[in-house]
């Protein structure tokens, strides 16, 4: 599985960005697709995931502000980020697991999101 994340950039606090993850396979064939982020000096953390049946999970820090969605036909997963704050500054990575290989994570290159105060 190949993943390509895009959509990062510089935004002011309170603003919005939408990240996109292009997958090489249909997203509904994946066990899950998620967004992780890693801020400078911090560990990589889960931001949001969407599972094959459509269920979603979010980190507490982004609940109510971020929304993960997918377009199976386009093989795309999106992360709509609203009400951004400087603590959201990080490199965001797209991640996926295959149903036939549920313990092997696939990662795309990250996209940098910078939120200025």
Protein backbone atom coordinates (compact mmCIF):
# COMPACT_ATOMS: atom_id res chain seq x y z
CA UNK A 1 0.00 0.00 0.00
CA UNK A 2 1.33 3.39 -0.96
CA UNK A 3 0.07 6.51 0.74
CA UNK A 4 0.62 10.13 -0.22
CA UNK A 5 -0.35 12.90 2.16
CA UNK A 6 -0.83 16.49 1.09
CA UNK A 7 -2.53 19.70 2.12
CA UNK A 8 -0.31 20.95 4.88
CA UNK A 9 0.73 24.55 5.17
CA UNK A 10 0.84 27.64 7.31
CA UNK A 11 -2.39 28.86 8.86
CA UNK A 12 -3.30 31.33 11.58
CA UNK A 13 -4.85 30.19 14.82
CA UNK A 14 -8.56 29.69 14.38
CA UNK A 15 -8.16 28.78 10.75
CA UNK A 16 -8.81 25.58 8.85
CA UNK A 17 -6.96 23.15 6.63
CA UNK A 18 -7.91 19.96 4.88
CA UNK A 19 -5.35 17.22 4.57
CA UNK A 20 -5.65 14.58 1.89
CA UNK A 21 -4.26 11.06 1.77
CA UNK A 22 -4.18 9.30 -1.56
CA UNK A 23 -4.02 5.51 -1.31
CA UNK A 24 -2.93 3.05 -3.95
CA UNK A 25 -5.86 0.76 -3.10
CA UNK A 26 -9.53 1.31 -2.39
CA UNK A 27 -9.85 2.73 1.08
CA UNK A 28 -12.74 0.44 1.96
CA UNK A 29 -10.41 -2.52 1.38
CA UNK A 30 -8.21 -1.29 4.20
CA UNK A 31 -8.80 -2.33 7.79
CA UNK A 32 -8.23 1.25 8.82
CA UNK A 33 -6.76 4.50 7.61
CA UNK A 34 -5.58 7.06 10.06
CA UNK A 35 -3.83 10.31 10.58
CA UNK A 36 -0.99 10.62 13.04
CA UNK A 37 1.08 13.63 13.91
CA UNK A 38 4.46 14.31 15.42
CA UNK A 39 5.35 17.64 16.91
CA UNK A 40 8.98 18.64 17.50
CA UNK A 41 10.40 16.78 20.46
CA UNK A 42 7.28 14.69 20.92
CA UNK A 43 6.24 11.17 20.08
CA UNK A 44 4.02 10.42 17.14
CA UNK A 45 0.40 10.30 18.21
CA UNK A 46 -2.88 9.19 16.72
CA UNK A 47 -5.12 12.01 15.56
CA UNK A 48 -7.99 10.15 13.93
CA UNK A 49 -8.77 6.85 12.25
CA UNK A 50 -11.55 5.53 10.08
CA UNK A 51 -12.24 1.82 9.89
CA UNK A 52 -13.46 -0.33 7.02
CA UNK A 53 -17.03 -0.36 8.32
CA UNK A 54 -16.98 3.42 8.69
CA UNK A 55 -16.41 3.80 12.42
CA UNK A 56 -14.16 6.64 13.47
CA UNK A 57 -11.99 7.44 16.46
CA UNK A 58 -10.42 10.72 17.46
CA UNK A 59 -7.84 11.89 19.93
CA UNK A 60 -9.46 13.84 22.74
CA UNK A 61 -7.47 16.92 21.79
CA UNK A 62 -9.12 17.14 18.35
CA UNK A 63 -12.67 15.96 19.05
CA UNK A 64 -15.19 18.45 17.77
CA UNK A 65 -12.59 20.23 15.65
CA UNK A 66 -11.28 17.60 13.24
CA UNK A 67 -13.23 15.28 10.98
CA UNK A 68 -11.89 12.25 9.14
CA UNK A 69 -13.69 11.07 6.04
CA UNK A 70 -13.03 9.00 2.96
CA UNK A 71 -14.01 8.70 -0.67
CA UNK A 72 -13.67 5.04 -1.53
CA UNK A 73 -14.07 5.51 -5.26
CA UNK A 74 -11.28 8.09 -5.33
CA UNK A 75 -9.15 6.11 -2.86
CA UNK A 76 -8.83 9.20 -0.72
CA UNK A 77 -9.01 9.89 2.99
CA UNK A 78 -9.36 13.42 4.28
CA UNK A 79 -8.78 15.19 7.56
CA UNK A 80 -10.73 18.40 7.88
CA UNK A 81 -9.13 20.50 10.60
CA UNK A 82 -11.02 23.46 12.02
CA UNK A 83 -10.32 25.86 14.87
CA UNK A 84 -6.63 25.15 14.61
CA UNK A 85 -4.35 26.26 17.40
CA UNK A 86 -0.56 26.37 17.73
CA UNK A 87 -0.60 23.04 19.59
CA UNK A 88 -1.74 21.41 16.35
CA UNK A 89 1.57 22.29 14.72
CA UNK A 90 3.19 19.03 13.64
CA UNK A 91 4.07 16.82 10.74
CA UNK A 92 0.95 14.84 9.87
CA UNK A 93 1.26 11.30 8.53
CA UNK A 94 -1.21 9.05 6.81
CA UNK A 95 -1.26 5.46 8.05
CA UNK A 96 -3.08 2.33 6.96
CA UNK A 97 -3.51 -1.32 7.86
CA UNK A 98 -4.53 -4.06 5.50
CA UNK A 99 -7.20 -6.46 6.67
CA UNK A 100 -5.05 -9.38 5.54
CA UNK A 101 -2.04 -8.02 7.40
CA UNK A 102 -3.44 -6.22 10.43
CA UNK A 103 -0.18 -5.89 12.35
CA UNK A 104 1.86 -4.25 9.59
CA UNK A 105 1.43 -0.46 9.39
CA UNK A 106 1.91 1.39 6.13
CA UNK A 107 3.05 4.99 6.28
CA UNK A 108 3.09 7.82 3.84
CA UNK A 109 5.41 10.80 3.88
CA UNK A 110 4.30 13.49 6.22
CA UNK A 111 2.89 16.89 5.48
CA UNK A 112 3.78 19.82 7.71
CA UNK A 113 1.06 21.85 9.38
CA UNK A 114 2.13 25.05 11.07
CA UNK A 115 -0.34 27.11 13.06
CA UNK A 116 0.75 30.60 13.98
CA UNK A 117 -0.59 32.44 17.00
